[in-house]
Amino acid sequence: NGQAGSVYKQHAPLVNACKEPGTWQTYDIIY
């Protein structure tokens, strides 16, 4: 519940979708 894509300390992400270091990544957040 503290990894990338988590809502910190509340919701773990459904999956780990991380790319390797140095690679651009995207978040699209609907709030």
PDB file of all heavy atoms in Angstrom:
ATOM      1  N   ASN A   1       0.818  -1.215   0.000  1.00  0.00           N
ATOM      2  CA  ASN A   1       0.000   0.000   0.000  1.00  0.00           C
ATOM      3  C   ASN A   1       0.852   1.266   0.000  1.00  0.00           C
ATOM      4  O   ASN A   1       0.369   2.344   0.331  1.00  0.00           O
ATOM      5  CB  ASN A   1      -0.985   0.010   1.168  1.00  0.00           C
ATOM      6  CG  ASN A   1      -0.306  -0.045   2.524  1.00  0.00           C
ATOM      7  OD1 ASN A   1       0.882  -0.371   2.623  1.00  0.00           O
ATOM      8  ND2 ASN A   1      -1.044   0.245   3.583  1.00  0.00           N
ATOM      9  N   GLY A   2       2.135   1.099  -0.394  1.00  0.00           N
ATOM     10  CA  GLY A   2       3.012   2.260  -0.520  1.00  0.00           C
ATOM     11  C   GLY A   2       3.804   2.258  -1.807  1.00  0.00           C
ATOM     12  O   GLY A   2       4.712   3.059  -1.972  1.00  0.00           O
ATOM     13  N   GLN A   3       3.466   1.356  -2.731  1.00  0.00           N
ATOM     14  CA  GLN A   3       4.221   1.291  -3.976  1.00  0.00           C
ATOM     15  C   GLN A   3       3.585   2.172  -5.042  1.00  0.00           C
ATOM     16  O   GLN A   3       2.535   2.782  -4.819  1.00  0.00           O
ATOM     17  CB  GLN A   3       4.337  -0.152  -4.449  1.00  0.00           C
ATOM     18  CG  GLN A   3       3.065  -0.770  -4.987  1.00  0.00           C
ATOM     19  CD  GLN A   3       3.320  -2.213  -5.434  1.00  0.00           C
ATOM     20  OE1 GLN A   3       3.643  -3.085  -4.626  1.00  0.00           O
ATOM     21  NE2 GLN A   3       3.177  -2.466  -6.733  1.00  0.00           N
ATOM     22  N   ALA A   4       4.238   2.262  -6.191  1.00  0.00           N
ATOM     23  CA  ALA A   4       3.741   3.105  -7.284  1.00  0.00           C
ATOM     24  C   ALA A   4       2.313   2.718  -7.636  1.00  0.00           C
ATOM     25  O   ALA A   4       1.973   1.545  -7.731  1.00  0.00           O
ATOM     26  CB  ALA A   4       4.641   2.960  -8.503  1.00  0.00           C
ATOM     27  N   GLY A   5       1.475   3.740  -7.818  1.00  0.00           N
ATOM     28  CA  GLY A   5       0.072   3.498  -8.158  1.00  0.00           C
ATOM     29  C   GLY A   5      -0.824   3.297  -6.971  1.00  0.00           C
ATOM     30  O   GLY A   5      -2.046   3.181  -7.132  1.00  0.00           O
ATOM     31  N   SER A   6      -0.257   3.262  -5.777  1.00  0.00           N
ATOM     32  CA  SER A   6      -1.100   3.129  -4.576  1.00  0.00           C
ATOM     33  C   SER A   6      -1.685   4.476  -4.196  1.00  0.00           C
ATOM     34  O   SER A   6      -1.145   5.534  -4.531  1.00  0.00           O
ATOM     35  CB  SER A   6      -0.285   2.590  -3.392  1.00  0.00           C
ATOM     36  OG  SER A   6       0.706   3.528  -2.978  1.00  0.00           O
ATOM     37  N   VAL A   7      -2.832   4.446  -3.515  1.00  0.00           N
ATOM     38  CA  VAL A   7      -3.280   5.597  -2.747  1.00  0.00           C
ATOM     39  C   VAL A   7      -2.604   5.395  -1.399  1.00  0.00           C
ATOM     40  O   VAL A   7      -2.968   4.496  -0.644  1.00  0.00           O
ATOM     41  CB  VAL A   7      -4.809   5.660  -2.623  1.00  0.00           C
ATOM     42  CG1 VAL A   7      -5.213   6.856  -1.780  1.00  0.00           C
ATOM     43  CG2 VAL A   7      -5.456   5.731  -4.003  1.00  0.00           C
ATOM     44  N   TYR A   8      -1.599   6.191  -1.118  1.00  0.00           N
ATOM     45  CA  TYR A   8      -0.610   5.870  -0.095  1.00  0.00           C
ATOM     46  C   TYR A   8      -1.233   5.485   1.249  1.00  0.00           C
ATOM     47  O   TYR A   8      -2.067   6.208   1.796  1.00  0.00           O
ATOM     48  CB  TYR A   8       0.353   7.042   0.091  1.00  0.00           C
ATOM     49  CG  TYR A   8       1.509   6.722   0.993  1.00  0.00           C
ATOM     50  CD1 TYR A   8       2.562   5.931   0.545  1.00  0.00           C
ATOM     51  CD2 TYR A   8       1.531   7.184   2.298  1.00  0.00           C
ATOM     52  CE1 TYR A   8       3.626   5.616   1.381  1.00  0.00           C
ATOM     53  CE2 TYR A   8       2.593   6.885   3.145  1.00  0.00           C
ATOM     54  CZ  TYR A   8       3.638   6.092   2.686  1.00  0.00           C
ATOM     55  OH  TYR A   8       4.683   5.774   3.526  1.00  0.00           O
ATOM     56  N   LYS A   9      -0.822   4.300   1.723  1.00  0.00           N
ATOM     57  CA  LYS A   9      -1.222   3.716   3.000  1.00  0.00           C
ATOM     58  C   LYS A   9      -2.716   3.386   3.076  1.00  0.00           C
ATOM     59  O   LYS A   9      -3.226   3.062   4.141  1.00  0.00           O
ATOM     60  CB  LYS A   9      -0.842   4.630   4.185  1.00  0.00           C
ATOM     61  CG  LYS A   9       0.667   4.683   4.502  1.00  0.00           C
ATOM     62  CD  LYS A   9       1.123   3.433   5.214  1.00  0.00           C
ATOM     63  CE  LYS A   9       2.581   3.506   5.648  1.00  0.00           C
ATOM     64  NZ  LYS A   9       2.794   4.183   6.911  1.00  0.00           N
ATOM     65  N   GLN A  10      -3.432   3.454   1.909  1.00  0.00           N
ATOM     66  CA  GLN A  10      -4.858   3.139   1.934  1.00  0.00           C
ATOM     67  C   GLN A  10      -5.236   2.047   0.941  1.00  0.00           C
ATOM     68  O   GLN A  10      -5.891   1.077   1.311  1.00  0.00           O
ATOM     69  CB  GLN A  10      -5.692   4.395   1.677  1.00  0.00           C
ATOM     70  CG  GLN A  10      -5.548   5.446   2.770  1.00  0.00           C
ATOM     71  CD  GLN A  10      -6.547   6.584   2.622  1.00  0.00           C
ATOM     72  OE1 GLN A  10      -7.710   6.370   2.305  1.00  0.00           O
ATOM     73  NE2 GLN A  10      -6.092   7.807   2.869  1.00  0.00           N
ATOM     74  N   HIS A  11      -4.842   2.195  -0.322  1.00  0.00           N
ATOM     75  CA  HIS A  11      -5.229   1.224  -1.344  1.00  0.00           C
ATOM     76  C   HIS A  11      -4.003   0.808  -2.146  1.00  0.00           C
ATOM     77  O   HIS A  11      -3.386   1.645  -2.813  1.00  0.00           O
ATOM     78  CB  HIS A  11      -6.273   1.807  -2.300  1.00  0.00           C
ATOM     79  CG  HIS A  11      -7.586   2.106  -1.659  1.00  0.00           C
ATOM     80  ND1 HIS A  11      -8.512   1.132  -1.348  1.00  0.00           N
ATOM     81  CD2 HIS A  11      -8.140   3.291  -1.270  1.00  0.00           C
ATOM     82  CE1 HIS A  11      -9.577   1.693  -0.795  1.00  0.00           C
ATOM     83  NE2 HIS A  11      -9.374   2.997  -0.731  1.00  0.00           N
ATOM     84  N   ALA A  12      -3.657  -0.477  -2.091  1.00  0.00           N
ATOM     85  CA  ALA A  12      -2.606  -1.002  -2.955  1.00  0.00           C
ATOM     86  C   ALA A  12      -3.085  -0.990  -4.403  1.00  0.00           C
ATOM     87  O   ALA A  12      -4.285  -1.110  -4.661  1.00  0.00           O
ATOM     88  CB  ALA A  12      -2.244  -2.426  -2.539  1.00  0.00           C
ATOM     89  N   PRO A  13      -2.176  -0.851  -5.368  1.00  0.00           N
ATOM     90  CA  PRO A  13      -2.598  -0.932  -6.762  1.00  0.00           C
ATOM     91  C   PRO A  13      -3.036  -2.354  -7.104  1.00  0.00           C
ATOM     92  O   PRO A  13      -2.587  -3.328  -6.489  1.00  0.00           O
ATOM     93  CB  PRO A  13      -1.335  -0.536  -7.539  1.00  0.00           C
ATOM     94  CG  PRO A  13      -0.206  -0.880  -6.626  1.00  0.00           C
ATOM     95  CD  PRO A  13      -0.720  -0.643  -5.238  1.00  0.00           C
ATOM     96  N   LEU A  14      -3.900  -2.466  -8.084  1.00  0.00           N
ATOM     97  CA  LEU A  14      -4.361  -3.791  -8.516  1.00  0.00           C
ATOM     98  C   LEU A  14      -3.217  -4.603  -9.102  1.00  0.00           C
ATOM     99  O   LEU A  14      -3.182  -5.835  -8.954  1.00  0.00           O
ATOM    100  CB  LEU A  14      -5.483  -3.639  -9.554  1.00  0.00           C
ATOM    101  CG  LEU A  14      -6.770  -2.971  -9.060  1.00  0.00           C
ATOM    102  CD1 LEU A  14      -7.714  -2.700 -10.232  1.00  0.00           C
ATOM    103  CD2 LEU A  14      -7.455  -3.839  -8.009  1.00  0.00           C
ATOM    104  N   VAL A  15      -2.304  -3.929  -9.798  1.00  0.00           N
ATOM    105  CA  VAL A  15      -1.131  -4.582 -10.380  1.00  0.00           C
ATOM    106  C   VAL A  15       0.046  -3.611 -10.325  1.00  0.00           C
ATOM    107  O   VAL A  15      -0.132  -2.409 -10.130  1.00  0.00           O
ATOM    108  CB  VAL A  15      -1.366  -5.000 -11.863  1.00  0.00           C
ATOM    109  CG1 VAL A  15      -2.419  -6.085 -11.962  1.00  0.00           C
ATOM    110  CG2 VAL A  15      -1.751  -3.801 -12.721  1.00  0.00           C
ATOM    111  N   ASN A  16       1.244  -4.141 -10.498  1.00  0.00           N
ATOM    112  CA  ASN A  16       2.453  -3.333 -10.618  1.00  0.00           C
ATOM    113  C   ASN A  16       2.714  -3.116 -12.103  1.00  0.00           C
ATOM    114  O   ASN A  16       3.081  -4.047 -12.819  1.00  0.00           O
ATOM    115  CB  ASN A  16       3.628  -4.053  -9.962  1.00  0.00           C
ATOM    116  CG  ASN A  16       4.931  -3.261 -10.047  1.00  0.00           C
ATOM    117  OD1 ASN A  16       5.016  -2.238 -10.729  1.00  0.00           O
ATOM    118  ND2 ASN A  16       5.963  -3.741  -9.365  1.00  0.00           N
ATOM    119  N   ALA A  17       2.509  -1.896 -12.584  1.00  0.00           N
ATOM    120  CA  ALA A  17       2.658  -1.589 -14.012  1.00  0.00           C
ATOM    121  C   ALA A  17       3.894  -0.735 -14.285  1.00  0.00           C
ATOM    122  O   ALA A  17       3.971  -0.038 -15.304  1.00  0.00           O
ATOM    123  CB  ALA A  17       1.415  -0.872 -14.527  1.00  0.00           C
ATOM    124  N   CYS A  18       4.887  -0.797 -13.389  1.00  0.00           N
ATOM    125  CA  CYS A  18       6.061   0.064 -13.518  1.00  0.00           C
ATOM    126  C   CYS A  18       6.944  -0.327 -14.694  1.00  0.00           C
ATOM    127  O   CYS A  18       7.152  -1.509 -14.987  1.00  0.00           O
ATOM    128  CB  CYS A  18       6.900   0.002 -12.247  1.00  0.00           C
ATOM    129  SG  CYS A  18       6.442   1.224 -11.014  1.00  0.00           S
ATOM    130  N   LYS A  19       7.487   0.692 -15.339  1.00  0.00           N
ATOM    131  CA  LYS A  19       8.521   0.518 -16.344  1.00  0.00           C
ATOM    132  C   LYS A  19       9.888   0.671 -15.686  1.00  0.00           C
ATOM    133  O   LYS A  19      10.001   1.111 -14.537  1.00  0.00           O
ATOM    134  CB  LYS A  19       8.346   1.537 -17.470  1.00  0.00           C
ATOM    135  CG  LYS A  19       7.049   1.379 -18.252  1.00  0.00           C
ATOM    136  CD  LYS A  19       6.954   2.401 -19.381  1.00  0.00           C
ATOM    137  CE  LYS A  19       5.678   2.217 -20.184  1.00  0.00           C
ATOM    138  NZ  LYS A  19       5.582   3.185 -21.313  1.00  0.00           N
ATOM    139  N   GLU A  20      10.927   0.330 -16.433  1.00  0.00           N
ATOM    140  CA  GLU A  20      12.268   0.355 -15.860  1.00  0.00           C
ATOM    141  C   GLU A  20      12.714   1.783 -15.570  1.00  0.00           C
ATOM    142  O   GLU A  20      12.215   2.741 -16.175  1.00  0.00           O
ATOM    143  CB  GLU A  20      13.249  -0.340 -16.798  1.00  0.00           C
ATOM    144  CG  GLU A  20      13.393   0.301 -18.154  1.00  0.00           C
ATOM    145  CD  GLU A  20      14.256  -0.515 -19.089  1.00  0.00           C
ATOM    146  OE1 GLU A  20      14.402  -1.732 -18.855  1.00  0.00           O
ATOM    147  OE2 GLU A  20      14.780   0.071 -20.052  1.00  0.00           O
ATOM    148  N   PRO A  21      13.667   1.958 -14.642  1.00  0.00           N
ATOM    149  CA  PRO A  21      14.154   3.300 -14.288  1.00  0.00           C
ATOM    150  C   PRO A  21      14.652   4.063 -15.512  1.00  0.00           C
ATOM    151  O   PRO A  21      15.203   3.488 -16.454  1.00  0.00           O
ATOM    152  CB  PRO A  21      15.308   2.998 -13.324  1.00  0.00           C
ATOM    153  CG  PRO A  21      15.021   1.640 -12.781  1.00  0.00           C
ATOM    154  CD  PRO A  21      14.333   0.889 -13.872  1.00  0.00           C
ATOM    155  N   GLY A  22      14.434   5.372 -15.491  1.00  0.00           N
ATOM    156  CA  GLY A  22      14.858   6.219 -16.592  1.00  0.00           C
ATOM    157  C   GLY A  22      13.877   6.288 -17.729  1.00  0.00           C
ATOM    158  O   GLY A  22      14.112   6.997 -18.719  1.00  0.00           O
ATOM    159  N   THR A  23      12.737   5.565 -17.624  1.00  0.00           N
ATOM    160  CA  THR A  23      11.714   5.536 -18.664  1.00  0.00           C
ATOM    161  C   THR A  23      10.532   6.401 -18.242  1.00  0.00           C
ATOM    162  O   THR A  23      10.110   6.368 -17.086  1.00  0.00           O
ATOM    163  CB  THR A  23      11.226   4.090 -18.901  1.00  0.00           C
ATOM    164  OG1 THR A  23      12.357   3.267 -19.211  1.00  0.00           O
ATOM    165  CG2 THR A  23      10.222   4.030 -20.026  1.00  0.00           C
ATOM    166  N   TRP A  24       9.985   7.167 -19.178  1.00  0.00           N
ATOM    167  CA  TRP A  24       8.819   7.987 -18.850  1.00  0.00           C
ATOM    168  C   TRP A  24       7.593   7.109 -18.622  1.00  0.00           C
ATOM    169  O   TRP A  24       7.359   6.144 -19.357  1.00  0.00           O
ATOM    170  CB  TRP A  24       8.537   9.001 -19.966  1.00  0.00           C
ATOM    171  CG  TRP A  24       9.489  10.159 -19.919  1.00  0.00           C
ATOM    172  CD1 TRP A  24      10.546  10.387 -20.740  1.00  0.00           C
ATOM    173  CD2 TRP A  24       9.472  11.229 -18.972  1.00  0.00           C
ATOM    174  NE1 TRP A  24      11.201  11.547 -20.369  1.00  0.00           N
ATOM    175  CE2 TRP A  24      10.552  12.079 -19.287  1.00  0.00           C
ATOM    176  CE3 TRP A  24       8.648  11.554 -17.891  1.00  0.00           C
ATOM    177  CZ2 TRP A  24      10.841  13.240 -18.573  1.00  0.00           C
ATOM    178  CZ3 TRP A  24       8.923  12.716 -17.169  1.00  0.00           C
ATOM    179  CH2 TRP A  24      10.009  13.536 -17.506  1.00  0.00           C
ATOM    180  N   GLN A  25       6.827   7.451 -17.603  1.00  0.00           N
ATOM    181  CA  GLN A  25       5.624   6.729 -17.231  1.00  0.00           C
ATOM    182  C   GLN A  25       4.465   7.714 -17.113  1.00  0.00           C
ATOM    183  O   GLN A  25       4.681   8.918 -16.938  1.00  0.00           O
ATOM    184  CB  GLN A  25       5.828   5.995 -15.904  1.00  0.00           C
ATOM    185  CG  GLN A  25       7.118   5.189 -15.859  1.00  0.00           C
ATOM    186  CD  GLN A  25       7.124   4.163 -14.750  1.00  0.00           C
ATOM    187  OE1 GLN A  25       6.170   3.416 -14.568  1.00  0.00           O
ATOM    188  NE2 GLN A  25       8.225   4.116 -14.011  1.00  0.00           N
ATOM    189  N   THR A  26       3.246   7.218 -17.198  1.00  0.00           N
ATOM    190  CA  THR A  26       2.081   8.093 -17.155  1.00  0.00           C
ATOM    191  C   THR A  26       1.135   7.694 -16.034  1.00  0.00           C
ATOM    192  O   THR A  26       0.971   6.507 -15.730  1.00  0.00           O
ATOM    193  CB  THR A  26       1.299   8.059 -18.482  1.00  0.00           C
ATOM    194  OG1 THR A  26       0.768   6.743 -18.692  1.00  0.00           O
ATOM    195  CG2 THR A  26       2.178   8.429 -19.650  1.00  0.00           C
ATOM    196  N   TYR A  27       0.534   8.714 -15.444  1.00  0.00           N
ATOM    197  CA  TYR A  27      -0.639   8.540 -14.588  1.00  0.00           C
ATOM    198  C   TYR A  27      -1.799   9.311 -15.233  1.00  0.00           C
ATOM    199  O   TYR A  27      -1.633  10.478 -15.620  1.00  0.00           O
ATOM    200  CB  TYR A  27      -0.423   9.122 -13.195  1.00  0.00           C
ATOM    201  CG  TYR A  27       0.326   8.248 -12.214  1.00  0.00           C
ATOM    202  CD1 TYR A  27       0.855   8.801 -11.058  1.00  0.00           C
ATOM    203  CD2 TYR A  27       0.496   6.879 -12.427  1.00  0.00           C
ATOM    204  CE1 TYR A  27       1.534   8.026 -10.137  1.00  0.00           C
ATOM    205  CE2 TYR A  27       1.179   6.103 -11.516  1.00  0.00           C
ATOM    206  CZ  TYR A  27       1.702   6.680 -10.374  1.00  0.00           C
ATOM    207  OH  TYR A  27       2.379   5.911  -9.461  1.00  0.00           O
ATOM    208  N   ASP A  28      -2.937   8.668 -15.336  1.00  0.00           N
ATOM    209  CA  ASP A  28      -4.179   9.351 -15.657  1.00  0.00           C
ATOM    210  C   ASP A  28      -5.113   9.131 -14.466  1.00  0.00           C
ATOM    211  O   ASP A  28      -5.447   7.985 -14.146  1.00  0.00           O
ATOM    212  CB  ASP A  28      -4.773   8.816 -16.957  1.00  0.00           C
ATOM    213  CG  ASP A  28      -3.944   9.247 -18.155  1.00  0.00           C
ATOM    214  OD1 ASP A  28      -4.028  10.437 -18.525  1.00  0.00           O
ATOM    215  OD2 ASP A  28      -3.202   8.412 -18.712  1.00  0.00           O
ATOM    216  N   ILE A  29      -5.462  10.220 -13.819  1.00  0.00           N
ATOM    217  CA  ILE A  29      -6.178  10.173 -12.541  1.00  0.00           C
ATOM    218  C   ILE A  29      -7.523  10.864 -12.693  1.00  0.00           C
ATOM    219  O   ILE A  29      -7.588  12.019 -13.121  1.00  0.00           O
ATOM    220  CB  ILE A  29      -5.349  10.871 -11.435  1.00  0.00           C
ATOM    221  CG1 ILE A  29      -3.987  10.170 -11.272  1.00  0.00           C
ATOM    222  CG2 ILE A  29      -6.112  10.896 -10.117  1.00  0.00           C
ATOM    223  CD1 ILE A  29      -3.012  10.925 -10.366  1.00  0.00           C
ATOM    224  N   ILE A  30      -8.583  10.152 -12.352  1.00  0.00           N
ATOM    225  CA  ILE A  30      -9.924  10.732 -12.334  1.00  0.00           C
ATOM    226  C   ILE A  30     -10.338  10.848 -10.872  1.00  0.00           C
ATOM    227  O   ILE A  30     -10.361   9.840 -10.146  1.00  0.00           O
ATOM    228  CB  ILE A  30     -10.931   9.886 -13.131  1.00  0.00           C
ATOM    229  CG1 ILE A  30     -10.558   9.863 -14.626  1.00  0.00           C
ATOM    230  CG2 ILE A  30     -12.329  10.459 -12.986  1.00  0.00           C
ATOM    231  CD1 ILE A  30      -9.610   8.790 -15.042  1.00  0.00           C
ATOM    232  N   TYR A  31     -10.646  12.050 -10.463  1.00  0.00           N
ATOM    233  CA  TYR A  31     -10.862  12.330  -9.034  1.00  0.00           C
ATOM    234  C   TYR A  31     -12.200  13.029  -8.818  1.00  0.00           C
ATOM    235  O   TYR A  31     -12.522  14.006  -9.505  1.00  0.00           O
ATOM    236  CB  TYR A  31      -9.732  13.229  -8.524  1.00  0.00           C
ATOM    237  CG  TYR A  31      -9.913  13.722  -7.106  1.00  0.00           C
ATOM    238  CD1 TYR A  31      -9.692  12.882  -6.018  1.00  0.00           C
ATOM    239  CD2 TYR A  31     -10.297  15.036  -6.860  1.00  0.00           C
ATOM    240  CE1 TYR A  31      -9.854  13.340  -4.721  1.00  0.00           C
ATOM    241  CE2 TYR A  31     -10.449  15.507  -5.566  1.00  0.00           C
ATOM    242  CZ  TYR A  31     -10.228  14.645  -4.499  1.00  0.00           C
ATOM    243  OH  TYR A  31     -10.395  15.110  -3.221  1.00  0.00           O
TER     244      TYR A  31
END
